[in-house]
N, C-alpha and C. Protein backbone atom coordinates (compact mmCIF):
# COMPACT_ATOMS: atom_id res chain seq x y z
N MET A 1 -50.50 3.27 57.67
CA MET A 1 -49.20 2.63 57.52
C MET A 1 -49.05 1.53 58.56
N ARG A 2 -48.45 0.45 58.15
CA ARG A 2 -48.22 -0.68 59.05
C ARG A 2 -47.15 -0.36 60.09
N ARG A 3 -47.32 -0.93 61.26
CA ARG A 3 -46.27 -0.88 62.27
C ARG A 3 -45.42 -2.13 62.14
N VAL A 4 -44.13 -2.01 62.43
CA VAL A 4 -43.22 -3.14 62.49
C VAL A 4 -42.73 -3.24 63.93
N VAL A 5 -42.99 -4.39 64.55
CA VAL A 5 -42.63 -4.62 65.95
C VAL A 5 -41.73 -5.84 66.02
N ILE A 6 -40.59 -5.67 66.66
CA ILE A 6 -39.65 -6.77 66.87
C ILE A 6 -39.89 -7.35 68.25
N THR A 7 -40.00 -8.66 68.32
CA THR A 7 -40.13 -9.36 69.60
C THR A 7 -39.00 -10.37 69.71
N GLU A 8 -38.33 -10.38 70.84
CA GLU A 8 -37.16 -11.24 71.00
C GLU A 8 -37.09 -11.84 72.39
N PHE A 9 -36.62 -13.09 72.46
CA PHE A 9 -36.10 -13.65 73.69
C PHE A 9 -34.64 -13.19 73.70
N ILE A 10 -34.20 -12.61 74.81
CA ILE A 10 -32.87 -12.01 74.85
C ILE A 10 -32.23 -12.21 76.22
N SER A 11 -30.94 -12.47 76.24
CA SER A 11 -30.22 -12.59 77.51
C SER A 11 -29.86 -11.20 78.01
N VAL A 12 -29.43 -11.12 79.24
CA VAL A 12 -29.03 -9.84 79.82
C VAL A 12 -27.89 -9.21 79.01
N ASP A 13 -27.01 -10.03 78.43
CA ASP A 13 -25.91 -9.48 77.64
C ASP A 13 -26.26 -9.33 76.15
N GLY A 14 -27.56 -9.39 75.82
CA GLY A 14 -28.00 -9.04 74.47
C GLY A 14 -28.02 -10.16 73.45
N VAL A 15 -27.75 -11.40 73.86
CA VAL A 15 -27.73 -12.52 72.92
C VAL A 15 -29.16 -12.96 72.61
N ILE A 16 -29.44 -13.17 71.32
CA ILE A 16 -30.75 -13.67 70.90
C ILE A 16 -30.63 -15.00 70.15
N GLU A 17 -29.43 -15.50 70.00
CA GLU A 17 -29.20 -16.71 69.22
C GLU A 17 -29.76 -17.97 69.89
N ASP A 18 -30.56 -18.70 69.16
CA ASP A 18 -31.01 -20.05 69.49
C ASP A 18 -31.58 -20.21 70.89
N PRO A 19 -32.57 -19.41 71.27
CA PRO A 19 -33.15 -19.58 72.60
C PRO A 19 -33.84 -20.93 72.79
N GLY A 20 -34.32 -21.52 71.69
CA GLY A 20 -35.02 -22.79 71.78
C GLY A 20 -34.16 -24.02 71.66
N GLY A 21 -32.92 -23.87 71.23
CA GLY A 21 -32.00 -24.99 71.16
C GLY A 21 -32.09 -25.83 69.91
N SER A 22 -32.49 -25.25 68.78
CA SER A 22 -32.65 -26.05 67.57
C SER A 22 -31.65 -25.69 66.46
N GLU A 23 -30.73 -24.79 66.73
CA GLU A 23 -29.85 -24.29 65.67
C GLU A 23 -28.40 -24.76 65.79
N ASN A 24 -28.12 -25.74 66.57
CA ASN A 24 -26.76 -26.26 66.75
C ASN A 24 -25.79 -25.22 67.32
N PHE A 25 -26.29 -24.26 68.06
CA PHE A 25 -25.46 -23.30 68.80
C PHE A 25 -25.11 -23.99 70.11
N ASP A 26 -23.83 -24.07 70.44
CA ASP A 26 -23.43 -24.85 71.61
C ASP A 26 -24.00 -24.34 72.93
N ARG A 27 -24.53 -23.13 72.93
CA ARG A 27 -25.14 -22.58 74.14
C ARG A 27 -26.65 -22.43 73.97
N GLY A 28 -27.20 -23.06 72.92
CA GLY A 28 -28.63 -22.94 72.60
C GLY A 28 -29.53 -23.59 73.64
N GLY A 29 -30.80 -23.23 73.59
CA GLY A 29 -31.79 -23.77 74.50
C GLY A 29 -31.86 -23.05 75.82
N TRP A 30 -31.22 -21.91 75.90
CA TRP A 30 -31.11 -21.19 77.18
C TRP A 30 -32.46 -20.69 77.71
N ALA A 31 -33.42 -20.41 76.84
CA ALA A 31 -34.71 -19.88 77.31
C ALA A 31 -35.48 -20.92 78.12
N PHE A 32 -35.22 -22.21 77.87
CA PHE A 32 -35.95 -23.26 78.58
C PHE A 32 -35.41 -23.51 79.98
N GLN A 33 -34.37 -22.82 80.36
CA GLN A 33 -33.84 -22.95 81.72
C GLN A 33 -34.68 -22.16 82.73
N PHE A 34 -35.60 -21.34 82.22
CA PHE A 34 -36.35 -20.42 83.07
C PHE A 34 -37.85 -20.58 82.87
N GLU A 35 -38.59 -20.38 83.94
CA GLU A 35 -40.05 -20.43 83.92
C GLU A 35 -40.56 -18.99 83.75
N ARG A 36 -41.28 -18.76 82.66
CA ARG A 36 -41.84 -17.41 82.44
C ARG A 36 -43.28 -17.32 82.93
N GLY A 37 -43.84 -18.40 83.42
CA GLY A 37 -45.14 -18.41 84.06
C GLY A 37 -46.30 -18.19 83.10
N GLU A 38 -47.49 -18.30 83.67
CA GLU A 38 -48.71 -18.12 82.87
C GLU A 38 -48.77 -16.73 82.25
N GLU A 39 -48.31 -15.73 82.99
CA GLU A 39 -48.36 -14.36 82.48
C GLU A 39 -47.45 -14.19 81.26
N GLY A 40 -46.27 -14.80 81.30
CA GLY A 40 -45.37 -14.74 80.15
C GLY A 40 -45.93 -15.48 78.95
N ASP A 41 -46.52 -16.66 79.20
CA ASP A 41 -47.15 -17.42 78.11
C ASP A 41 -48.31 -16.64 77.51
N LYS A 42 -49.12 -16.02 78.35
CA LYS A 42 -50.27 -15.24 77.86
C LYS A 42 -49.79 -14.05 77.04
N PHE A 43 -48.70 -13.41 77.47
CA PHE A 43 -48.15 -12.29 76.71
C PHE A 43 -47.81 -12.72 75.29
N LYS A 44 -47.12 -13.87 75.15
CA LYS A 44 -46.72 -14.35 73.82
C LYS A 44 -47.94 -14.74 72.98
N LEU A 45 -48.94 -15.35 73.59
CA LEU A 45 -50.15 -15.72 72.85
C LEU A 45 -50.90 -14.47 72.39
N ASP A 46 -51.13 -13.54 73.31
CA ASP A 46 -51.84 -12.30 72.96
C ASP A 46 -51.08 -11.52 71.90
N GLU A 47 -49.77 -11.50 72.00
CA GLU A 47 -48.93 -10.80 71.03
C GLU A 47 -49.15 -11.35 69.63
N LEU A 48 -49.13 -12.66 69.49
CA LEU A 48 -49.30 -13.27 68.17
C LEU A 48 -50.66 -12.91 67.57
N PHE A 49 -51.70 -12.93 68.38
CA PHE A 49 -53.04 -12.62 67.88
C PHE A 49 -53.23 -11.12 67.62
N GLU A 50 -52.38 -10.28 68.17
CA GLU A 50 -52.46 -8.83 67.97
C GLU A 50 -52.03 -8.42 66.56
N PHE A 51 -51.19 -9.22 65.93
CA PHE A 51 -50.60 -8.84 64.65
C PHE A 51 -51.28 -9.52 63.48
N ASP A 52 -51.17 -8.85 62.33
CA ASP A 52 -51.83 -9.33 61.12
C ASP A 52 -50.91 -10.18 60.24
N GLY A 53 -49.62 -10.13 60.48
CA GLY A 53 -48.68 -10.90 59.69
C GLY A 53 -47.34 -10.98 60.39
N GLN A 54 -46.53 -11.93 59.92
CA GLN A 54 -45.18 -12.08 60.44
C GLN A 54 -44.19 -11.69 59.36
N LEU A 55 -43.14 -11.04 59.78
CA LEU A 55 -42.04 -10.66 58.91
C LEU A 55 -40.81 -11.39 59.44
N LEU A 56 -40.20 -12.23 58.60
CA LEU A 56 -39.15 -13.12 59.08
C LEU A 56 -37.94 -13.13 58.16
N GLY A 57 -36.78 -13.36 58.73
CA GLY A 57 -35.60 -13.66 57.94
C GLY A 57 -35.64 -15.11 57.51
N ARG A 58 -34.83 -15.48 56.56
CA ARG A 58 -34.88 -16.83 55.99
C ARG A 58 -34.59 -17.92 57.03
N VAL A 59 -33.57 -17.74 57.85
CA VAL A 59 -33.19 -18.78 58.80
C VAL A 59 -34.32 -19.03 59.80
N THR A 60 -34.88 -17.97 60.37
CA THR A 60 -35.99 -18.13 61.31
C THR A 60 -37.20 -18.73 60.59
N TYR A 61 -37.47 -18.23 59.38
CA TYR A 61 -38.58 -18.76 58.60
C TYR A 61 -38.44 -20.27 58.40
N GLU A 62 -37.28 -20.73 58.00
CA GLU A 62 -37.08 -22.16 57.75
C GLU A 62 -37.25 -22.98 59.03
N GLY A 63 -36.81 -22.44 60.16
CA GLY A 63 -37.01 -23.13 61.43
C GLY A 63 -38.48 -23.21 61.81
N PHE A 64 -39.19 -22.10 61.65
CA PHE A 64 -40.62 -22.08 61.94
C PHE A 64 -41.38 -22.99 60.99
N ALA A 65 -41.04 -22.94 59.69
CA ALA A 65 -41.74 -23.74 58.68
C ALA A 65 -41.53 -25.23 58.91
N ALA A 66 -40.42 -25.60 59.50
CA ALA A 66 -40.17 -27.01 59.80
C ALA A 66 -40.92 -27.46 61.05
N ALA A 67 -41.21 -26.54 61.96
CA ALA A 67 -41.80 -26.90 63.24
C ALA A 67 -43.31 -26.72 63.33
N TRP A 68 -43.83 -25.58 62.86
CA TRP A 68 -45.22 -25.23 63.17
C TRP A 68 -46.30 -25.97 62.38
N PRO A 69 -46.12 -26.30 61.12
CA PRO A 69 -47.21 -26.97 60.40
C PRO A 69 -47.66 -28.29 61.04
N GLU A 70 -46.80 -28.93 61.78
CA GLU A 70 -47.15 -30.23 62.39
C GLU A 70 -47.69 -30.08 63.81
N ARG A 71 -47.76 -28.87 64.32
CA ARG A 71 -48.16 -28.69 65.72
C ARG A 71 -49.63 -28.32 65.85
N ASP A 72 -50.14 -28.59 67.04
CA ASP A 72 -51.50 -28.23 67.39
C ASP A 72 -51.51 -27.97 68.90
N ASP A 73 -52.34 -27.05 69.34
CA ASP A 73 -52.44 -26.78 70.77
C ASP A 73 -53.82 -26.23 71.06
N PRO A 74 -54.31 -26.42 72.28
CA PRO A 74 -55.67 -25.98 72.62
C PRO A 74 -55.83 -24.45 72.65
N MET A 75 -54.73 -23.71 72.79
CA MET A 75 -54.82 -22.25 72.86
C MET A 75 -54.93 -21.60 71.48
N GLY A 76 -54.62 -22.35 70.42
CA GLY A 76 -54.71 -21.82 69.07
C GLY A 76 -53.46 -21.14 68.56
N PHE A 77 -52.35 -21.24 69.32
CA PHE A 77 -51.11 -20.60 68.90
C PHE A 77 -50.62 -21.18 67.58
N ALA A 78 -50.58 -22.50 67.48
CA ALA A 78 -50.10 -23.15 66.25
C ALA A 78 -50.99 -22.82 65.06
N GLU A 79 -52.29 -22.84 65.26
CA GLU A 79 -53.21 -22.52 64.16
C GLU A 79 -52.97 -21.09 63.67
N ARG A 80 -52.76 -20.17 64.59
CA ARG A 80 -52.50 -18.78 64.22
C ARG A 80 -51.17 -18.65 63.47
N MET A 81 -50.14 -19.33 63.96
CA MET A 81 -48.84 -19.30 63.29
C MET A 81 -48.97 -19.80 61.85
N ASN A 82 -49.74 -20.86 61.67
CA ASN A 82 -49.86 -21.47 60.36
C ASN A 82 -50.77 -20.70 59.40
N SER A 83 -51.77 -20.02 59.93
CA SER A 83 -52.75 -19.38 59.06
C SER A 83 -52.41 -17.93 58.70
N MET A 84 -51.67 -17.24 59.54
CA MET A 84 -51.43 -15.81 59.29
C MET A 84 -50.45 -15.60 58.13
N PRO A 85 -50.56 -14.47 57.43
CA PRO A 85 -49.61 -14.17 56.35
C PRO A 85 -48.19 -14.06 56.89
N LYS A 86 -47.26 -14.58 56.10
CA LYS A 86 -45.85 -14.55 56.45
C LYS A 86 -45.08 -13.93 55.30
N TYR A 87 -44.20 -13.00 55.61
CA TYR A 87 -43.34 -12.35 54.63
C TYR A 87 -41.91 -12.71 55.03
N VAL A 88 -41.21 -13.37 54.13
CA VAL A 88 -39.84 -13.78 54.43
C VAL A 88 -38.89 -13.01 53.53
N VAL A 89 -37.93 -12.35 54.15
CA VAL A 89 -36.93 -11.58 53.42
C VAL A 89 -35.77 -12.53 53.11
N SER A 90 -35.56 -12.77 51.80
CA SER A 90 -34.52 -13.72 51.42
C SER A 90 -34.09 -13.50 49.98
N SER A 91 -32.80 -13.66 49.74
CA SER A 91 -32.29 -13.60 48.37
C SER A 91 -32.11 -15.01 47.80
N THR A 92 -32.33 -16.04 48.63
CA THR A 92 -32.12 -17.41 48.16
C THR A 92 -33.38 -18.26 48.12
N LEU A 93 -34.37 -17.95 48.94
CA LEU A 93 -35.61 -18.73 48.98
C LEU A 93 -36.50 -18.32 47.83
N SER A 94 -36.94 -19.28 47.03
CA SER A 94 -37.79 -18.93 45.89
C SER A 94 -39.12 -19.65 45.90
N ASP A 95 -39.20 -20.81 46.53
CA ASP A 95 -40.42 -21.60 46.50
C ASP A 95 -40.79 -22.02 47.93
N PRO A 96 -41.37 -21.10 48.72
CA PRO A 96 -41.67 -21.43 50.11
C PRO A 96 -42.79 -22.47 50.20
N SER A 97 -42.66 -23.36 51.15
CA SER A 97 -43.65 -24.43 51.30
C SER A 97 -44.72 -24.13 52.35
N TRP A 98 -44.43 -23.24 53.27
CA TRP A 98 -45.39 -22.94 54.34
C TRP A 98 -46.48 -22.04 53.78
N ASN A 99 -47.73 -22.38 54.06
CA ASN A 99 -48.85 -21.63 53.48
C ASN A 99 -48.84 -20.15 53.86
N ASN A 100 -49.42 -19.35 53.00
CA ASN A 100 -49.53 -17.90 53.19
C ASN A 100 -48.18 -17.20 53.29
N THR A 101 -47.20 -17.65 52.53
CA THR A 101 -45.87 -17.06 52.56
C THR A 101 -45.59 -16.29 51.28
N THR A 102 -45.08 -15.08 51.45
CA THR A 102 -44.62 -14.25 50.35
C THR A 102 -43.14 -13.98 50.55
N VAL A 103 -42.35 -14.18 49.51
CA VAL A 103 -40.92 -13.92 49.59
C VAL A 103 -40.65 -12.49 49.13
N LEU A 104 -39.88 -11.76 49.95
CA LEU A 104 -39.43 -10.41 49.61
C LEU A 104 -37.94 -10.52 49.28
N SER A 105 -37.60 -10.33 48.02
CA SER A 105 -36.18 -10.41 47.63
C SER A 105 -35.67 -9.00 47.39
N GLY A 106 -34.38 -8.86 47.33
CA GLY A 106 -33.80 -7.53 47.15
C GLY A 106 -33.33 -6.98 48.48
N ASP A 107 -33.09 -5.68 48.50
CA ASP A 107 -32.62 -5.00 49.69
C ASP A 107 -33.68 -5.08 50.80
N ALA A 108 -33.32 -5.65 51.94
CA ALA A 108 -34.26 -5.89 53.03
C ALA A 108 -34.94 -4.61 53.49
N VAL A 109 -34.17 -3.55 53.70
CA VAL A 109 -34.73 -2.31 54.21
C VAL A 109 -35.73 -1.72 53.20
N GLU A 110 -35.37 -1.71 51.93
CA GLU A 110 -36.28 -1.15 50.92
C GLU A 110 -37.53 -2.00 50.77
N GLU A 111 -37.38 -3.32 50.78
CA GLU A 111 -38.54 -4.21 50.64
C GLU A 111 -39.50 -4.03 51.82
N VAL A 112 -38.97 -3.93 53.02
CA VAL A 112 -39.82 -3.76 54.20
C VAL A 112 -40.42 -2.36 54.21
N ARG A 113 -39.68 -1.38 53.77
CA ARG A 113 -40.23 -0.02 53.68
C ARG A 113 -41.46 -0.01 52.77
N LYS A 114 -41.35 -0.67 51.61
CA LYS A 114 -42.50 -0.77 50.68
C LYS A 114 -43.65 -1.52 51.32
N LEU A 115 -43.36 -2.62 51.98
CA LEU A 115 -44.40 -3.41 52.64
C LEU A 115 -45.08 -2.60 53.74
N LYS A 116 -44.30 -1.86 54.49
CA LYS A 116 -44.83 -1.05 55.57
C LYS A 116 -45.78 0.03 55.05
N GLU A 117 -45.45 0.58 53.90
CA GLU A 117 -46.26 1.66 53.31
C GLU A 117 -47.42 1.13 52.46
N SER A 118 -47.48 -0.19 52.25
CA SER A 118 -48.43 -0.75 51.29
C SER A 118 -49.84 -0.95 51.82
N GLY A 119 -50.07 -0.73 53.07
CA GLY A 119 -51.44 -0.94 53.55
C GLY A 119 -51.51 -1.01 55.05
N ASP A 120 -52.54 -1.70 55.49
CA ASP A 120 -52.80 -1.85 56.91
C ASP A 120 -52.37 -3.24 57.36
N GLY A 121 -52.35 -3.42 58.64
CA GLY A 121 -52.01 -4.72 59.19
C GLY A 121 -50.60 -4.75 59.73
N ASP A 122 -50.47 -4.66 61.02
CA ASP A 122 -49.16 -4.60 61.67
C ASP A 122 -48.41 -5.92 61.54
N LEU A 123 -47.07 -5.82 61.53
CA LEU A 123 -46.19 -6.95 61.28
C LEU A 123 -45.30 -7.21 62.49
N LEU A 124 -45.18 -8.49 62.84
CA LEU A 124 -44.38 -8.93 63.97
C LEU A 124 -43.13 -9.63 63.45
N VAL A 125 -41.97 -9.21 63.94
CA VAL A 125 -40.70 -9.83 63.60
C VAL A 125 -40.23 -10.61 64.82
N ALA A 126 -40.11 -11.93 64.68
CA ALA A 126 -39.61 -12.77 65.78
C ALA A 126 -38.27 -13.35 65.36
N GLY A 127 -37.33 -13.38 66.32
CA GLY A 127 -36.01 -13.91 65.98
C GLY A 127 -35.39 -13.08 64.87
N SER A 128 -34.92 -13.75 63.81
CA SER A 128 -34.47 -13.06 62.60
C SER A 128 -33.43 -12.00 62.89
N ALA A 129 -32.31 -12.41 63.49
CA ALA A 129 -31.28 -11.48 63.96
C ALA A 129 -30.81 -10.51 62.88
N GLN A 130 -30.41 -11.03 61.73
CA GLN A 130 -29.87 -10.17 60.67
C GLN A 130 -30.93 -9.20 60.16
N LEU A 131 -32.15 -9.68 59.96
CA LEU A 131 -33.24 -8.81 59.51
C LEU A 131 -33.55 -7.75 60.57
N SER A 132 -33.64 -8.17 61.82
CA SER A 132 -33.93 -7.22 62.91
C SER A 132 -32.89 -6.11 62.96
N GLN A 133 -31.62 -6.49 62.85
CA GLN A 133 -30.55 -5.49 62.87
C GLN A 133 -30.68 -4.52 61.70
N ALA A 134 -31.00 -5.03 60.52
CA ALA A 134 -31.16 -4.17 59.34
C ALA A 134 -32.33 -3.22 59.52
N LEU A 135 -33.44 -3.70 60.07
CA LEU A 135 -34.62 -2.86 60.26
C LEU A 135 -34.39 -1.79 61.33
N ILE A 136 -33.68 -2.15 62.39
CA ILE A 136 -33.32 -1.17 63.41
C ILE A 136 -32.42 -0.10 62.79
N GLY A 137 -31.40 -0.53 62.06
CA GLY A 137 -30.49 0.40 61.41
C GLY A 137 -31.16 1.27 60.37
N GLY A 138 -32.21 0.75 59.72
CA GLY A 138 -32.94 1.49 58.71
C GLY A 138 -34.06 2.36 59.27
N GLY A 139 -34.22 2.37 60.58
CA GLY A 139 -35.24 3.21 61.20
C GLY A 139 -36.67 2.76 60.93
N LEU A 140 -36.88 1.47 60.71
CA LEU A 140 -38.20 0.96 60.37
C LEU A 140 -38.94 0.30 61.52
N VAL A 141 -38.34 0.28 62.70
CA VAL A 141 -38.94 -0.42 63.84
C VAL A 141 -39.74 0.56 64.69
N ASP A 142 -40.99 0.22 64.92
CA ASP A 142 -41.88 1.07 65.71
C ASP A 142 -41.89 0.68 67.19
N GLU A 143 -41.49 -0.56 67.48
CA GLU A 143 -41.50 -1.01 68.87
C GLU A 143 -40.60 -2.23 69.01
N LEU A 144 -39.96 -2.32 70.17
CA LEU A 144 -39.16 -3.49 70.55
C LEU A 144 -39.81 -4.12 71.77
N ARG A 145 -40.07 -5.41 71.70
CA ARG A 145 -40.61 -6.17 72.83
C ARG A 145 -39.58 -7.21 73.21
N LEU A 146 -38.95 -7.00 74.34
CA LEU A 146 -37.85 -7.86 74.75
C LEU A 146 -38.25 -8.67 75.98
N MET A 147 -38.21 -9.99 75.85
CA MET A 147 -38.40 -10.87 77.00
C MET A 147 -36.99 -11.22 77.47
N VAL A 148 -36.56 -10.54 78.54
CA VAL A 148 -35.18 -10.62 79.01
C VAL A 148 -35.05 -11.76 80.02
N PHE A 149 -34.15 -12.69 79.70
CA PHE A 149 -33.90 -13.84 80.57
C PHE A 149 -32.66 -13.55 81.42
N PRO A 150 -32.72 -13.88 82.71
CA PRO A 150 -31.66 -13.49 83.64
C PRO A 150 -30.42 -14.39 83.56
N LEU A 151 -29.70 -14.26 82.45
CA LEU A 151 -28.43 -14.97 82.34
C LEU A 151 -27.52 -14.22 81.39
N ILE A 152 -26.24 -14.47 81.55
CA ILE A 152 -25.22 -13.95 80.66
C ILE A 152 -24.70 -15.14 79.87
N ILE A 153 -24.86 -15.10 78.55
CA ILE A 153 -24.44 -16.22 77.71
C ILE A 153 -22.98 -16.07 77.32
N GLY A 154 -22.53 -14.86 77.07
CA GLY A 154 -21.12 -14.62 76.81
C GLY A 154 -20.69 -14.69 75.37
N ALA A 155 -21.51 -15.27 74.50
CA ALA A 155 -21.18 -15.37 73.07
C ALA A 155 -22.48 -15.60 72.32
N GLY A 156 -22.45 -15.33 71.03
CA GLY A 156 -23.61 -15.57 70.19
C GLY A 156 -24.08 -14.31 69.50
N LYS A 157 -25.05 -14.48 68.60
CA LYS A 157 -25.61 -13.34 67.86
C LYS A 157 -26.33 -12.42 68.83
N LYS A 158 -26.05 -11.14 68.67
CA LYS A 158 -26.68 -10.15 69.53
C LYS A 158 -27.67 -9.33 68.72
N LEU A 159 -28.69 -8.83 69.40
CA LEU A 159 -29.68 -8.00 68.73
C LEU A 159 -29.07 -6.66 68.34
N PHE A 160 -28.22 -6.11 69.19
CA PHE A 160 -27.63 -4.81 68.93
C PHE A 160 -26.13 -4.96 68.74
N PRO A 161 -25.70 -5.07 67.50
CA PRO A 161 -24.25 -5.14 67.27
C PRO A 161 -23.64 -3.76 67.46
N ASP A 162 -22.35 -3.67 67.34
CA ASP A 162 -21.70 -2.36 67.46
C ASP A 162 -22.31 -1.40 66.45
N THR A 163 -22.60 -0.19 66.90
CA THR A 163 -23.20 0.81 66.03
C THR A 163 -22.41 2.10 66.09
N ASP A 164 -22.68 2.97 65.14
CA ASP A 164 -21.98 4.25 65.08
C ASP A 164 -22.64 5.35 65.91
N GLY A 165 -23.88 5.15 66.28
CA GLY A 165 -24.56 6.23 67.00
C GLY A 165 -25.58 5.70 67.98
N ALA A 166 -26.05 6.60 68.81
CA ALA A 166 -27.05 6.25 69.81
C ALA A 166 -28.44 6.27 69.19
N ALA A 167 -29.31 5.42 69.71
CA ALA A 167 -30.71 5.38 69.30
C ALA A 167 -31.55 5.43 70.57
N PRO A 168 -31.93 6.63 71.01
CA PRO A 168 -32.67 6.75 72.26
C PRO A 168 -34.03 6.04 72.18
N LEU A 169 -34.36 5.34 73.25
CA LEU A 169 -35.62 4.62 73.33
C LEU A 169 -36.42 5.10 74.53
N GLU A 170 -37.72 4.95 74.42
CA GLU A 170 -38.62 5.28 75.53
C GLU A 170 -39.18 3.97 76.07
N LEU A 171 -39.05 3.76 77.38
CA LEU A 171 -39.62 2.57 78.01
C LEU A 171 -41.13 2.77 78.13
N VAL A 172 -41.90 1.87 77.52
CA VAL A 172 -43.35 1.95 77.54
C VAL A 172 -43.92 1.11 78.66
N GLU A 173 -43.30 -0.05 78.88
CA GLU A 173 -43.78 -0.97 79.91
C GLU A 173 -42.65 -1.90 80.30
N SER A 174 -42.64 -2.31 81.55
CA SER A 174 -41.68 -3.30 82.02
C SER A 174 -42.30 -4.06 83.18
N LYS A 175 -42.26 -5.39 83.09
CA LYS A 175 -42.84 -6.18 84.17
C LYS A 175 -42.18 -7.54 84.24
N PRO A 176 -41.95 -8.02 85.48
CA PRO A 176 -41.45 -9.38 85.63
C PRO A 176 -42.58 -10.38 85.42
N VAL A 177 -42.23 -11.54 84.86
CA VAL A 177 -43.20 -12.62 84.67
C VAL A 177 -42.58 -13.92 85.14
N GLY A 178 -43.38 -14.76 85.72
CA GLY A 178 -42.89 -16.05 86.19
C GLY A 178 -42.01 -15.93 87.42
N PRO A 179 -41.64 -17.08 87.98
CA PRO A 179 -40.90 -17.09 89.24
C PRO A 179 -39.39 -16.92 89.11
N ASP A 180 -38.86 -16.92 87.86
CA ASP A 180 -37.41 -16.96 87.68
C ASP A 180 -36.76 -15.63 87.29
N GLY A 181 -37.50 -14.54 87.36
CA GLY A 181 -36.89 -13.25 87.07
C GLY A 181 -36.86 -12.86 85.61
N VAL A 182 -37.69 -13.48 84.78
CA VAL A 182 -37.82 -13.07 83.38
C VAL A 182 -38.58 -11.74 83.37
N VAL A 183 -38.11 -10.79 82.55
CA VAL A 183 -38.73 -9.47 82.51
C VAL A 183 -39.11 -9.12 81.07
N ILE A 184 -40.34 -8.66 80.90
CA ILE A 184 -40.78 -8.17 79.60
C ILE A 184 -40.62 -6.65 79.61
N SER A 185 -39.87 -6.13 78.66
CA SER A 185 -39.68 -4.69 78.52
C SER A 185 -40.07 -4.29 77.11
N ILE A 186 -40.88 -3.25 77.01
CA ILE A 186 -41.34 -2.75 75.71
C ILE A 186 -40.82 -1.34 75.52
N TYR A 187 -40.17 -1.12 74.38
CA TYR A 187 -39.57 0.17 74.07
C TYR A 187 -40.09 0.68 72.72
N ARG A 188 -40.13 2.00 72.59
CA ARG A 188 -40.41 2.65 71.32
C ARG A 188 -39.31 3.69 71.08
N PRO A 189 -39.03 3.98 69.82
CA PRO A 189 -38.05 5.05 69.54
C PRO A 189 -38.51 6.34 70.20
N LYS A 190 -37.61 7.01 70.88
CA LYS A 190 -37.93 8.24 71.59
C LYS A 190 -38.38 9.30 70.58
N GLY A 191 -39.50 9.94 70.88
CA GLY A 191 -40.02 10.98 70.02
C GLY A 191 -40.89 10.47 68.89
N ALA A 192 -41.11 9.16 68.84
CA ALA A 192 -41.94 8.59 67.76
C ALA A 192 -43.41 8.74 68.05
C-alpha cells in the first residue's frame, strides 16, 4: 500500500498560505524572509526524489504547472518535478497540460483511498491546503513533514482548522536548519 506524506512550509501559528508569494495573499512570500541553509535545501531535494508521485489540489497544481515546466537547475529538482507522476484532485480540471498528470475527480478522500490501495509508490502532498485538511480528516496521512518558519503571520489558510477531536502524533525527528531558526519536524500518527 502506498504511503501518503504531507510536506508543508508552515508558520509558528499554523499558516501555510502562499509561502512563495505568488497567490496574491497580502502576507505572501513569508518563507523567503528566512534562510533555511544548505541542510534545508538538501532536505527538500532528497524528499522530492524519495517519492514516486505527487498528489496535489487544483490550486497548488495550477501554480506548479505554471512555474515548473520552464525551469531548470543543476540539482535536478525541476526535472524531477516535471517528470514524476502527478495526481491532481479536482472537480473542475479536465484537461491538464502538465505532463504525467492524472485527474482524480469525485470525493477527495475516496479517490485518494483508492489510489493509496492501488499499488506501490509513495505519494507526496505539497501545499494543497484543502486537500491536506481532507486527507488528515479522513485518516489517510501516514506522515507530516513540517518546515516551521519562526514567524507569526496572524491570518491565512491554516493546515489544521478547528476540529472536533484530538489526533495524537508521534514526533519522529526534529532539527533546526539554516541560520534563521527554521525547524524541520516530522510526525506520524501515534500508534501507526
